[in-house]
Amino acid sequence: MNILVVDDESIIREGIQRTLAHHFPEYSVHLAAKADEAAWLLRTESIDLVLTDVRMPGMTGLELMELSRSRHPHVKWVVISAYSEFAYAREAVRLGARDYLLKPIGKEALIDMVEQLSEEIEQSTLRSKETHLLRQNVRLLREGALTRLITGLDLGGIDLNALLEEPPYFYVVMVQIEQKRSGHLEHFIVENVLTELIDNIGYGVVASASLCHLVGLVTPDLPHQLPVLLDELRTQLKHCLKVPFRIIASEELDNFSLIPSQVELLKKAAIDQFNEPEHDNNHNNEAIELALKYIRAHYQEELTLEKVSSVVFLNPVYFSQLFKQKVGQGFKDYIIHLRMEEARRLLSQPGLKISEVAEKVGYQDMRHFSQVFRRKYNMTPSDYRQLGDSGKGEGHRLSWS
């Protein structure tokens, strides 16, 4: 069994190590003086049991435990503290701690606790351990492949589509930490928080582009869940991180080959965000208002994010983030909404063919227009027109959400 002891007091760490080494010589005991050292050991060693202090510089033991649960669900946790406050004990229990020991820790209590938990750990079947190991190895392979892709390294013959199971659509989410103040602890926090949030709304993988850039590939179960993830990610990182950071996401993508260029765009956009004063809201509001006017006047044309962002002199990715924040919809979704609303109005005019309606709202391919219309309103343009005609005949008004 591998045991990790996390405590900023060397006397406590080494005392626990001596006791465990004397009574359990067959166990490996790893020591960490602070949370970032513990995070590294959790990632690189197959830890079974963690004994962690509550109060430590940088991050508390309870925060370390909460952030580690999703990536290391098999690990057993025991909280040790010099404080007998009920709030600490209650939080430790909520997070799944198996025990709560008060300092100074008696040798007998420590030995009894380890013996009890070692039996529980050993009762885990070989199959479940193998399953966990397999999942961990697959995760590391996926992270490694994504890291190589976004950093421009050769994939060495790896079939990325098979390994990452290329989804029909995905988003690239980047978190940039201020370079001068980023370290292993900040990296650990972002990696764990983002991984857990992705697992909560869909599936994906998180990888490192550098010590200050982490990238997540996210496929939500429902497209509208991405803003929820971004809001929750921002909220949690504000609570956990003590350094400035920026979160930025791509538009919807459908091909892994686009990832390297998207990552570069996101990096540049994140730099723009760091350099732009937080209070410069008037300029941002004016830029989005101008963009909205331009889109409303030209939505029948082939509008791209790059084209509209150039009209308002903003980086495309930064403009995309700003647009979603101010308007409440993504750039593409907003244009589709405008086109479909106009299509509904035109479909009420019996003299227009459906192909003419499609062309007037910016679709040269009538089949694609019908697919988009059906996805938005759960009926084809023909069905809509027929229903509208019958509604008029009966004196009813149709309402749509």
Protein backbone atom coordinates (compact mmCIF):
# COMPACT_ATOMS: atom_id res chain seq x y z
CA MET A 1 0.00 0.00 0.00
CA ASN A 2 1.20 3.53 -0.82
CA ILE A 3 0.54 6.18 1.83
CA LEU A 4 0.94 9.93 1.37
CA VAL A 5 1.42 12.22 4.40
CA VAL A 6 0.75 15.92 3.76
CA ASP A 7 1.67 18.35 6.52
CA ASP A 8 3.66 21.59 6.58
CA GLU A 9 5.21 20.67 9.95
CA SER A 10 8.25 18.46 9.43
CA ILE A 11 8.00 17.05 12.97
CA ILE A 12 4.50 15.74 12.26
CA ARG A 13 5.38 14.37 8.80
CA GLU A 14 8.50 12.58 9.95
CA GLY A 15 6.87 11.32 13.17
CA ILE A 16 4.05 9.69 11.20
CA GLN A 17 6.58 8.26 8.75
CA ARG A 18 8.65 6.68 11.55
CA THR A 19 5.59 5.13 13.16
CA LEU A 20 4.32 3.69 9.89
CA ALA A 21 7.76 2.44 8.84
CA HIS A 22 8.18 0.63 12.18
CA HIS A 23 4.76 -1.06 12.23
CA PHE A 24 4.16 -1.44 8.49
CA PRO A 25 7.58 -1.91 6.86
CA GLU A 26 5.94 -3.36 3.74
CA TYR A 27 4.15 -0.06 2.99
CA SER A 28 5.64 2.87 1.05
CA VAL A 29 5.28 6.26 2.72
CA HIS A 30 5.57 9.48 0.69
CA LEU A 31 5.88 12.92 2.29
CA ALA A 32 4.68 16.34 1.10
CA ALA A 33 5.10 19.66 2.88
CA LYS A 34 2.43 21.49 0.88
CA ALA A 35 -0.43 20.94 -1.51
CA ASP A 36 1.50 21.31 -4.79
CA GLU A 37 3.94 18.57 -3.72
CA ALA A 38 0.99 16.37 -2.79
CA ALA A 39 -0.67 17.05 -6.14
CA TRP A 40 2.47 15.95 -7.97
CA LEU A 41 2.73 12.74 -5.94
CA LEU A 42 -0.94 11.93 -6.49
CA ARG A 43 -0.34 12.24 -10.20
CA THR A 44 2.91 10.30 -10.39
CA GLU A 45 2.50 7.63 -7.68
CA SER A 46 -0.25 5.06 -7.17
CA ILE A 47 -1.42 6.46 -3.82
CA ASP A 48 -3.97 4.44 -1.81
CA LEU A 49 -4.26 6.49 1.38
CA VAL A 50 -3.69 10.18 2.14
CA LEU A 51 -3.24 11.65 5.61
CA THR A 52 -3.53 15.41 5.25
CA ASP A 53 -3.36 18.38 7.58
CA VAL A 54 -6.19 20.90 7.36
CA ARG A 55 -4.34 24.21 7.52
CA MET A 56 -1.38 24.57 5.17
CA PRO A 57 0.05 27.50 3.20
CA GLY A 58 -1.42 27.94 -0.28
CA MET A 59 -4.25 25.40 -0.05
CA THR A 60 -5.98 23.63 2.80
CA GLY A 61 -6.09 19.88 3.09
CA LEU A 62 -9.86 19.95 2.60
CA GLU A 63 -9.48 21.91 -0.65
CA LEU A 64 -6.83 19.45 -1.81
CA MET A 65 -9.18 16.59 -1.04
CA GLU A 66 -12.13 18.17 -2.86
CA LEU A 67 -10.10 18.92 -5.98
CA SER A 68 -8.61 15.42 -6.10
CA ARG A 69 -11.79 13.37 -5.78
CA SER A 70 -12.73 13.25 -9.45
CA ARG A 71 -9.29 12.23 -10.75
CA HIS A 72 -8.43 9.90 -7.86
CA PRO A 73 -11.76 8.41 -6.72
CA HIS A 74 -10.16 5.24 -5.28
CA VAL A 75 -7.98 7.12 -2.75
CA LYS A 76 -8.96 6.99 0.94
CA TRP A 77 -8.55 10.23 2.91
CA VAL A 78 -7.90 10.88 6.58
CA VAL A 79 -7.83 14.44 7.90
CA ILE A 80 -5.44 15.38 10.70
CA SER A 81 -5.72 18.70 12.48
CA ALA A 82 -4.79 20.62 15.59
CA TYR A 83 -8.29 22.11 15.56
CA SER A 84 -11.35 20.34 16.91
CA GLU A 85 -13.78 22.76 15.27
CA PHE A 86 -17.00 21.08 14.23
CA ALA A 87 -17.04 22.88 10.86
CA TYR A 88 -13.77 21.18 9.81
CA ALA A 89 -15.01 17.75 10.82
CA ARG A 90 -18.36 18.26 9.10
CA GLU A 91 -16.69 19.34 5.86
CA ALA A 92 -14.27 16.43 6.03
CA VAL A 93 -17.19 14.00 6.37
CA ARG A 94 -19.04 15.68 3.49
CA LEU A 95 -16.00 15.20 1.26
CA GLY A 96 -15.77 11.53 2.16
CA ALA A 97 -12.95 11.48 4.71
CA ARG A 98 -12.68 8.11 6.43
CA ASP A 99 -11.43 9.57 9.71
CA TYR A 100 -10.60 12.84 11.49
CA LEU A 101 -7.62 12.73 13.85
CA LEU A 102 -6.61 15.47 16.26
CA LYS A 103 -3.00 16.45 16.88
CA PRO A 104 -0.98 15.30 18.66
CA ILE A 105 -1.80 11.95 17.06
CA GLY A 106 -1.39 8.98 19.37
CA LYS A 107 0.62 6.11 17.90
CA GLU A 108 -2.02 3.53 18.78
CA ALA A 109 -4.81 5.55 17.15
CA LEU A 110 -2.70 5.97 14.02
CA ILE A 111 -1.84 2.27 13.82
CA ASP A 112 -5.46 1.17 14.40
CA MET A 113 -6.70 3.54 11.72
CA VAL A 114 -4.15 2.36 9.13
CA GLU A 115 -4.84 -1.31 9.90
CA GLN A 116 -8.57 -0.79 9.48
CA LEU A 117 -8.21 1.09 6.19
CA SER A 118 -5.57 -1.30 4.84
CA GLU A 119 -8.04 -4.19 5.23
CA GLU A 120 -10.64 -2.18 3.36
CA ILE A 121 -8.19 -1.33 0.58
CA GLU A 122 -6.99 -4.93 0.28
CA GLN A 123 -10.58 -6.15 0.02
CA SER A 124 -10.85 -4.33 -3.29
CA THR A 125 -10.88 -6.97 -5.98
CA LEU A 126 -8.00 -7.38 -8.39
CA ARG A 127 -10.44 -6.76 -11.21
CA SER A 128 -11.46 -3.35 -9.89
CA LYS A 129 -7.81 -2.38 -9.48
CA GLU A 130 -7.06 -3.48 -13.00
CA THR A 131 -10.06 -1.55 -14.29
CA HIS A 132 -8.89 1.59 -12.49
CA LEU A 133 -5.36 1.14 -13.82
CA LEU A 134 -6.67 0.67 -17.36
CA ARG A 135 -8.81 3.79 -17.14
CA GLN A 136 -5.92 5.77 -15.73
CA ASN A 137 -3.60 4.61 -18.52
CA VAL A 138 -6.19 5.43 -21.19
CA ARG A 139 -6.65 8.88 -19.66
CA LEU A 140 -2.90 9.49 -19.67
CA LEU A 141 -2.67 8.32 -23.28
CA ARG A 142 -5.47 10.67 -24.30
CA GLU A 143 -3.91 13.59 -22.45
CA GLY A 144 -0.53 12.81 -23.98
CA ALA A 145 -1.93 12.61 -27.50
CA LEU A 146 -3.80 15.90 -27.09
CA THR A 147 -0.70 17.58 -25.63
CA ARG A 148 1.37 16.47 -28.61
CA LEU A 149 -1.30 17.73 -30.99
CA ILE A 150 -1.68 21.19 -29.48
CA THR A 151 2.08 21.69 -29.08
CA GLY A 152 2.82 20.66 -32.66
CA LEU A 153 4.71 17.45 -31.88
CA ASP A 154 4.51 14.37 -34.09
CA LEU A 155 1.83 11.93 -32.94
CA GLY A 156 4.11 8.97 -33.63
CA GLY A 157 1.53 7.02 -35.59
CA ILE A 158 -1.21 7.34 -32.95
CA ASP A 159 -4.73 7.26 -34.41
CA LEU A 160 -6.06 10.34 -32.65
CA ASN A 161 -9.63 9.82 -33.86
CA ALA A 162 -9.74 6.33 -32.38
CA LEU A 163 -8.06 7.33 -29.11
CA LEU A 164 -10.19 10.41 -28.48
CA GLU A 165 -13.29 9.01 -30.21
CA GLU A 166 -13.83 12.11 -32.35
CA PRO A 167 -17.32 13.43 -31.54
CA PRO A 168 -19.71 15.11 -34.01
CA TYR A 169 -18.86 18.46 -32.42
CA PHE A 170 -16.67 19.82 -29.63
CA TYR A 171 -15.34 23.04 -28.12
CA VAL A 172 -11.83 23.98 -27.10
CA VAL A 173 -11.71 25.64 -23.67
CA MET A 174 -8.48 27.30 -22.57
CA VAL A 175 -7.50 28.55 -19.12
CA GLN A 176 -4.47 30.84 -19.05
CA ILE A 177 -2.79 31.57 -15.73
CA GLU A 178 -0.61 34.64 -15.32
CA GLN A 179 2.79 33.36 -16.44
CA LYS A 180 4.93 34.94 -13.73
CA ARG A 181 2.84 33.38 -10.95
CA SER A 182 1.86 30.00 -12.37
CA GLY A 183 3.18 26.80 -10.82
CA HIS A 184 2.36 23.15 -10.26
CA LEU A 185 -0.34 23.92 -7.68
CA GLU A 186 -2.21 26.32 -9.96
CA HIS A 187 -1.87 23.83 -12.81
CA PHE A 188 -3.26 21.06 -10.56
CA ILE A 189 -6.24 23.19 -9.51
CA VAL A 190 -7.26 24.10 -13.05
CA GLU A 191 -6.76 20.55 -14.34
CA ASN A 192 -8.92 18.98 -11.65
CA VAL A 193 -11.70 21.58 -11.64
CA LEU A 194 -12.01 21.57 -15.43
CA THR A 195 -11.94 17.75 -15.61
CA GLU A 196 -14.71 17.41 -13.03
CA LEU A 197 -16.91 20.00 -14.73
CA ILE A 198 -16.46 18.33 -18.12
CA ASP A 199 -17.47 14.98 -16.63
CA ASN A 200 -20.57 16.60 -15.13
CA ILE A 201 -21.98 17.89 -18.43
CA GLY A 202 -20.65 15.48 -21.04
CA TYR A 203 -17.23 14.11 -21.91
CA GLY A 204 -13.81 15.29 -23.00
CA VAL A 205 -10.17 15.48 -21.99
CA VAL A 206 -7.87 18.07 -20.42
CA ALA A 207 -4.23 18.50 -21.39
CA SER A 208 -1.40 20.94 -20.79
CA ALA A 209 -0.19 23.27 -23.53
CA SER A 210 2.35 24.81 -21.12
CA LEU A 211 2.67 25.49 -17.40
CA CYS A 212 0.37 28.50 -17.76
CA HIS A 213 -2.01 27.14 -20.43
CA LEU A 214 -4.44 24.25 -19.95
CA VAL A 215 -6.71 23.12 -22.76
CA GLY A 216 -9.91 21.11 -22.52
CA LEU A 217 -11.76 19.40 -25.36
CA VAL A 218 -15.41 19.50 -24.34
CA THR A 219 -18.43 17.80 -25.88
CA PRO A 220 -21.49 18.71 -23.75
CA ASP A 221 -24.49 16.39 -23.80
CA LEU A 222 -26.45 19.51 -24.83
CA PRO A 223 -24.81 22.46 -26.65
CA HIS A 224 -26.33 25.08 -24.35
CA GLN A 225 -24.44 23.57 -21.40
CA LEU A 226 -21.10 25.09 -22.42
CA PRO A 227 -21.91 28.56 -20.97
CA VAL A 228 -22.93 26.82 -17.74
CA LEU A 229 -19.57 25.05 -17.61
CA LEU A 230 -17.67 28.30 -18.29
CA ASP A 231 -19.57 30.18 -15.58
CA GLU A 232 -19.03 27.42 -13.02
CA LEU A 233 -15.36 27.11 -14.00
CA ARG A 234 -14.87 30.84 -13.49
CA THR A 235 -16.64 30.74 -10.12
CA GLN A 236 -14.60 27.81 -8.80
CA LEU A 237 -11.27 29.13 -10.03
CA LYS A 238 -11.93 32.53 -8.46
CA HIS A 239 -12.39 30.70 -5.17
CA CYS A 240 -9.39 28.36 -5.48
CA LEU A 241 -6.77 30.27 -7.45
CA LYS A 242 -4.84 33.11 -5.88
CA VAL A 243 -3.46 34.38 -9.19
CA PRO A 244 -5.02 36.14 -12.21
CA PHE A 245 -6.42 33.89 -14.93
CA ARG A 246 -8.46 34.06 -18.10
CA ILE A 247 -10.96 31.57 -19.56
CA ILE A 248 -11.68 31.56 -23.27
CA ALA A 249 -13.48 29.10 -25.54
CA SER A 250 -13.71 28.41 -29.25
CA GLU A 251 -16.80 28.26 -31.41
CA GLU A 252 -18.23 24.82 -32.17
CA LEU A 253 -15.69 22.65 -34.07
CA ASP A 254 -16.06 19.34 -35.89
CA ASN A 255 -12.51 18.34 -36.87
CA PHE A 256 -9.46 17.59 -34.72
CA SER A 257 -7.19 19.07 -37.40
CA LEU A 258 -8.51 22.52 -36.39
CA ILE A 259 -7.27 22.20 -32.81
CA PRO A 260 -3.65 23.48 -33.19
CA SER A 261 -4.72 26.68 -34.99
CA GLN A 262 -7.58 27.21 -32.51
CA VAL A 263 -5.20 26.87 -29.58
CA GLU A 264 -2.93 29.54 -31.06
CA LEU A 265 -5.92 31.85 -31.57
CA LEU A 266 -7.07 31.25 -28.01
CA LYS A 267 -3.60 32.05 -26.65
CA LYS A 268 -3.53 35.36 -28.53
CA ALA A 269 -7.06 36.18 -27.40
CA ALA A 270 -6.17 35.40 -23.78
CA ILE A 271 -3.20 37.77 -24.03
CA ASP A 272 -5.54 40.45 -25.38
CA GLN A 273 -7.81 39.90 -22.39
CA PHE A 274 -4.89 40.23 -19.95
CA ASN A 275 -3.83 43.47 -21.62
CA GLU A 276 -7.30 44.96 -21.84
CA PRO A 277 -8.40 46.97 -18.76
CA GLU A 278 -11.19 45.27 -16.85
CA HIS A 279 -13.09 48.56 -16.59
CA ASP A 280 -13.16 49.18 -20.36
CA ASN A 281 -16.79 48.09 -20.59
CA ASN A 282 -17.94 51.08 -22.64
CA HIS A 283 -15.64 50.17 -25.52
CA ASN A 284 -16.77 46.53 -25.37
CA ASN A 285 -20.45 47.49 -25.33
CA GLU A 286 -20.00 49.82 -28.29
CA ALA A 287 -18.15 47.10 -30.24
CA ILE A 288 -20.94 44.55 -29.67
CA GLU A 289 -23.67 47.07 -30.53
CA LEU A 290 -21.88 47.87 -33.78
CA ALA A 291 -21.47 44.15 -34.51
CA LEU A 292 -25.19 43.53 -33.91
CA LYS A 293 -26.16 46.32 -36.29
CA TYR A 294 -23.83 44.93 -38.94
CA ILE A 295 -25.15 41.38 -38.50
CA ARG A 296 -28.80 42.49 -38.74
CA ALA A 297 -28.02 44.31 -41.97
CA HIS A 298 -26.00 41.49 -43.54
CA TYR A 299 -27.26 38.22 -42.04
CA GLN A 300 -28.45 37.02 -45.47
CA GLU A 301 -24.82 37.06 -46.63
CA GLU A 302 -22.05 34.61 -45.76
CA LEU A 303 -20.98 36.01 -42.40
CA THR A 304 -17.96 34.61 -40.60
CA LEU A 305 -16.72 35.32 -37.11
CA GLU A 306 -13.47 36.64 -38.57
CA LYS A 307 -15.27 39.06 -40.89
CA VAL A 308 -17.54 40.58 -38.23
CA SER A 309 -14.75 40.79 -35.62
CA SER A 310 -12.63 42.69 -38.16
CA VAL A 311 -15.45 45.21 -38.57
CA VAL A 312 -15.20 46.09 -34.86
CA PHE A 313 -11.39 45.70 -34.69
CA LEU A 314 -11.30 42.83 -32.18
CA ASN A 315 -9.47 39.51 -32.06
CA PRO A 316 -11.90 36.84 -33.42
CA VAL A 317 -11.76 34.56 -30.40
CA TYR A 318 -11.97 37.43 -27.92
CA PHE A 319 -14.89 38.86 -29.92
CA SER A 320 -16.62 35.46 -29.76
CA GLN A 321 -16.30 35.35 -25.96
CA LEU A 322 -17.41 38.96 -25.60
CA PHE A 323 -20.37 38.44 -27.95
CA LYS A 324 -21.62 35.44 -25.99
CA GLN A 325 -21.18 37.30 -22.72
CA LYS A 326 -23.06 40.42 -23.86
CA VAL A 327 -25.75 38.86 -26.08
CA GLY A 328 -26.34 35.59 -24.25
CA GLN A 329 -25.97 33.56 -27.46
CA GLY A 330 -23.03 32.36 -29.49
CA PHE A 331 -22.21 34.14 -32.75
CA LYS A 332 -23.45 31.29 -34.98
CA ASP A 333 -26.56 30.69 -32.88
CA TYR A 334 -27.50 34.37 -33.10
CA ILE A 335 -27.24 34.42 -36.90
CA ILE A 336 -29.26 31.21 -37.19
CA HIS A 337 -31.92 32.72 -34.93
CA LEU A 338 -32.20 35.84 -37.12
CA ARG A 339 -32.38 33.76 -40.30
CA MET A 340 -35.00 31.38 -38.97
CA GLU A 341 -37.21 34.17 -37.63
CA GLU A 342 -37.12 35.85 -41.04
CA ALA A 343 -37.78 32.49 -42.72
CA ARG A 344 -40.93 32.01 -40.62
CA ARG A 345 -42.16 35.44 -41.70
CA LEU A 346 -41.46 34.75 -45.38
CA LEU A 347 -43.09 31.31 -45.24
CA SER A 348 -46.38 33.03 -44.43
CA GLN A 349 -46.25 34.60 -47.91
CA PRO A 350 -47.81 31.99 -50.26
CA GLY A 351 -46.25 33.47 -53.39
CA LEU A 352 -42.71 32.49 -52.34
CA LYS A 353 -41.30 29.04 -52.97
CA ILE A 354 -39.42 27.43 -50.10
CA SER A 355 -36.23 27.51 -52.18
CA GLU A 356 -36.70 31.28 -52.57
CA VAL A 357 -37.21 31.69 -48.84
CA ALA A 358 -34.02 29.73 -48.18
CA GLU A 359 -32.06 31.95 -50.55
CA LYS A 360 -33.46 35.16 -49.10
CA VAL A 361 -32.28 34.22 -45.58
CA GLY A 362 -28.80 33.19 -46.67
CA TYR A 363 -29.02 29.49 -47.58
CA GLN A 364 -28.10 28.40 -51.10
CA ASP A 365 -28.69 24.75 -50.23
CA MET A 366 -32.41 24.20 -49.57
CA ARG A 367 -31.74 20.82 -47.95
CA HIS A 368 -29.42 22.43 -45.40
CA PHE A 369 -31.97 25.18 -44.78
CA SER A 370 -34.67 22.57 -44.09
CA GLN A 371 -32.40 20.70 -41.68
CA VAL A 372 -31.62 23.86 -39.71
CA PHE A 373 -35.29 24.87 -39.66
CA ARG A 374 -36.39 21.45 -38.47
CA ARG A 375 -33.72 21.34 -35.75
CA LYS A 376 -34.94 24.68 -34.40
CA TYR A 377 -38.72 24.27 -34.69
CA ASN A 378 -39.19 20.47 -34.79
CA MET A 379 -40.88 20.63 -38.17
CA THR A 380 -39.95 21.17 -41.80
CA PRO A 381 -40.62 24.47 -43.61
CA SER A 382 -43.37 22.71 -45.59
CA ASP A 383 -45.04 21.50 -42.39
CA TYR A 384 -44.79 25.00 -40.94
CA ARG A 385 -46.40 26.53 -44.01
CA GLN A 386 -49.24 23.95 -44.01
CA LEU A 387 -49.84 24.42 -40.31
CA GLY A 388 -49.86 28.16 -40.79
CA ASP A 389 -52.41 27.87 -43.58
CA SER A 390 -54.70 25.66 -41.49
CA GLY A 391 -54.29 27.98 -38.53
CA LYS A 392 -55.37 30.95 -40.61
CA GLY A 393 -58.37 29.03 -41.90
CA GLU A 394 -59.55 28.32 -38.39
CA GLY A 395 -58.86 31.83 -37.17
CA HIS A 396 -56.04 30.79 -34.87
CA ARG A 397 -52.76 32.55 -34.30
CA LEU A 398 -49.62 30.46 -34.13
CA SER A 399 -47.10 31.12 -31.39
CA TRP A 400 -43.58 29.74 -31.23
CA SER A 401 -40.87 29.84 -28.65
